């Protein structure tokens, strides 16, 4: 497969596809940066709450927001993966590559791992709230990078 850029457009095996210039990727990076800043501000507000009740409410709101974000990022990963495959990309994950053609199986495995990871983090949260929060923030950051990569692959095709 020959991929080259000419006149600010990507050419793939003679197919002409528009590309997004640097301003688009700067916007994506700022969006991801905003997510990180929002998370840090919420983390900081947890530490500065006046009462125990405010701290618990803030902790629960942040935690559940991060759970929803994790589910949304996993959903976006699945959707962008199939969009990329439709456009001619291939799955790089060797564990998933063999089952990607069976859409119901792939989606059920992805959902199982997503829900399983959240269940494990919830169990950890019962014993150590801060560590569970750090794991959930880390998982969101990792999947933000995965989704950003998937977006760049889909846009290039």
Protein backbone atom coordinates (compact mmCIF):
# COMPACT_ATOMS: atom_id res chain seq x y z
CA UNK A 1 0.00 0.00 0.00
CA UNK A 2 1.49 3.32 -1.04
CA UNK A 3 0.60 6.34 1.07
CA UNK A 4 1.90 9.80 0.28
CA UNK A 5 0.91 13.40 0.84
CA UNK A 6 0.60 15.87 -2.02
CA UNK A 7 -0.95 19.34 -1.91
CA UNK A 8 -2.13 18.83 1.67
CA UNK A 9 -4.15 15.73 0.64
CA UNK A 10 -3.47 12.08 1.35
CA UNK A 11 -3.23 9.71 -1.59
CA UNK A 12 -3.64 6.00 -0.90
CA UNK A 13 -3.14 3.68 -3.86
CA UNK A 14 -4.51 6.34 -6.17
CA UNK A 15 -7.53 7.07 -3.96
CA UNK A 16 -7.76 10.72 -3.01
CA UNK A 17 -8.83 11.43 0.54
CA UNK A 18 -8.92 14.73 2.34
CA UNK A 19 -6.76 15.15 5.35
CA UNK A 20 -7.07 17.28 8.40
CA UNK A 21 -4.37 19.84 8.76
CA UNK A 22 -2.42 20.67 11.88
CA UNK A 23 -5.23 22.82 13.29
CA UNK A 24 -7.53 19.77 13.60
CA UNK A 25 -4.93 17.77 15.52
CA UNK A 26 -4.12 20.75 17.71
CA UNK A 27 -7.84 20.89 18.58
CA UNK A 28 -7.86 17.15 19.39
CA UNK A 29 -4.78 17.50 21.59
CA UNK A 30 -6.32 20.51 23.39
CA UNK A 31 -9.50 18.52 23.94
CA UNK A 32 -7.54 15.65 25.51
CA UNK A 33 -5.54 18.18 27.52
CA UNK A 34 -8.84 19.71 28.70
CA UNK A 35 -10.00 16.29 29.89
CA UNK A 36 -6.82 15.90 31.92
CA UNK A 37 -7.12 19.43 33.35
CA UNK A 38 -10.79 18.82 34.26
CA UNK A 39 -9.81 15.62 36.05
CA UNK A 40 -7.01 17.39 37.94
CA UNK A 41 -9.33 20.25 38.93
CA UNK A 42 -11.91 17.78 40.20
CA UNK A 43 -9.18 15.93 42.09
CA UNK A 44 -8.04 19.25 43.61
CA UNK A 45 -11.59 20.20 44.61
CA UNK A 46 -11.87 16.88 46.43
CA UNK A 47 -8.87 17.82 48.53
CA UNK A 48 -10.21 21.32 49.30
CA UNK A 49 -13.80 20.45 50.25
CA UNK A 50 -15.00 22.00 53.50
CA UNK A 51 -17.02 19.16 54.91
CA UNK A 52 -16.95 15.40 54.81
CA UNK A 53 -20.34 15.39 53.05
CA UNK A 54 -19.02 17.68 50.26
CA UNK A 55 -15.95 15.47 49.86
CA UNK A 56 -18.06 12.32 49.52
CA UNK A 57 -20.38 13.99 47.00
CA UNK A 58 -17.43 15.32 45.01
CA UNK A 59 -15.69 11.92 45.10
CA UNK A 60 -18.79 10.09 43.92
CA UNK A 61 -19.50 12.57 41.14
CA UNK A 62 -15.94 12.43 39.83
CA UNK A 63 -15.77 8.65 40.13
CA UNK A 64 -19.03 8.04 38.28
CA UNK A 65 -18.11 10.62 35.62
CA UNK A 66 -14.87 8.75 35.01
CA UNK A 67 -16.78 5.46 34.75
CA UNK A 68 -19.12 6.92 32.14
CA UNK A 69 -16.14 8.38 30.29
CA UNK A 70 -14.41 4.98 30.29
CA UNK A 71 -17.49 3.30 28.83
CA UNK A 72 -17.84 6.05 26.20
CA UNK A 73 -14.19 5.75 25.19
CA UNK A 74 -14.49 1.96 24.82
CA UNK A 75 -17.62 2.42 22.72
CA UNK A 76 -15.82 4.97 20.53
CA UNK A 77 -12.93 2.51 20.19
CA UNK A 78 -15.28 -0.20 18.87
CA UNK A 79 -17.06 2.15 16.48
CA UNK A 80 -13.85 3.65 15.11
CA UNK A 81 -12.26 0.20 14.77
CA UNK A 82 -15.09 -1.00 12.56
CA UNK A 83 -15.11 2.28 10.63
CA UNK A 84 -11.40 1.85 9.94
CA UNK A 85 -11.83 -1.78 8.89
CA UNK A 86 -14.60 -0.74 6.48
CA UNK A 87 -12.21 1.77 4.94
CA UNK A 88 -9.40 -0.79 4.58
CA UNK A 89 -7.44 -0.60 7.83
CA UNK A 90 -6.50 -3.70 9.80
CA UNK A 91 -6.56 -4.46 13.51
CA UNK A 92 -3.08 -4.32 15.05
CA UNK A 93 -3.99 -6.03 18.34
CA UNK A 94 -2.96 -9.69 17.82
CA UNK A 95 -5.44 -10.94 20.42
CA UNK A 96 -8.42 -9.33 18.73
CA UNK A 97 -7.34 -9.70 15.10
CA UNK A 98 -8.80 -13.21 14.75
CA UNK A 99 -12.23 -12.41 16.20
CA UNK A 100 -12.78 -8.96 14.71
CA UNK A 101 -14.78 -10.38 11.78
CA UNK A 102 -17.39 -11.78 14.18
CA UNK A 103 -18.96 -8.51 15.29
CA UNK A 104 -21.31 -9.85 18.02
CA UNK A 105 -18.48 -11.87 19.57
CA UNK A 106 -16.07 -8.94 19.46
CA UNK A 107 -18.59 -6.52 20.98
CA UNK A 108 -19.52 -8.98 23.74
CA UNK A 109 -15.84 -9.58 24.59
CA UNK A 110 -15.13 -5.84 24.59
CA UNK A 111 -18.17 -5.17 26.81
CA UNK A 112 -17.18 -7.99 29.17
CA UNK A 113 -13.66 -6.63 29.58
CA UNK A 114 -14.92 -3.06 30.03
CA UNK A 115 -17.49 -4.02 32.66
CA UNK A 116 -15.03 -6.42 34.28
CA UNK A 117 -12.37 -3.71 34.59
CA UNK A 118 -14.91 -1.33 36.14
CA UNK A 119 -16.07 -4.04 38.55
CA UNK A 120 -12.49 -4.72 39.66
CA UNK A 121 -11.86 -1.00 40.17
CA UNK A 122 -15.10 -0.76 42.20
CA UNK A 123 -13.91 -3.61 44.42
CA UNK A 124 -10.60 -1.81 44.88
CA UNK A 125 -12.50 1.40 45.69
CA UNK A 126 -14.08 -0.27 48.73
CA UNK A 127 -10.61 -0.71 50.22
CA UNK A 128 -8.56 2.15 48.77
CA UNK A 129 -10.47 5.02 47.16
CA UNK A 130 -7.47 7.01 46.00
CA UNK A 131 -5.78 4.09 44.26
CA UNK A 132 -9.02 3.17 42.52
CA UNK A 133 -9.39 6.76 41.33
CA UNK A 134 -5.82 6.76 40.00
CA UNK A 135 -6.44 3.50 38.11
CA UNK A 136 -9.65 4.86 36.60
CA UNK A 137 -7.94 8.11 35.55
CA UNK A 138 -5.11 6.08 34.02
CA UNK A 139 -7.54 3.85 32.13
CA UNK A 140 -9.31 6.93 30.76
CA UNK A 141 -6.04 8.48 29.65
CA UNK A 142 -4.92 5.28 27.92
CA UNK A 143 -8.22 4.90 26.07
CA UNK A 144 -8.14 8.61 25.14
CA UNK A 145 -4.86 7.91 23.36
CA UNK A 146 -6.31 4.77 21.72
CA UNK A 147 -9.33 6.71 20.44
CA UNK A 148 -7.13 9.59 19.24
CA UNK A 149 -5.00 7.07 17.32
CA UNK A 150 -8.12 5.46 15.83
CA UNK A 151 -9.38 8.88 14.74
CA UNK A 152 -6.08 9.64 13.01
CA UNK A 153 -6.12 6.26 11.22
CA UNK A 154 -9.72 6.67 10.05
CA UNK A 155 -9.05 10.22 8.85
CA UNK A 156 -6.05 9.09 6.80
CA UNK A 157 -8.05 6.44 4.95
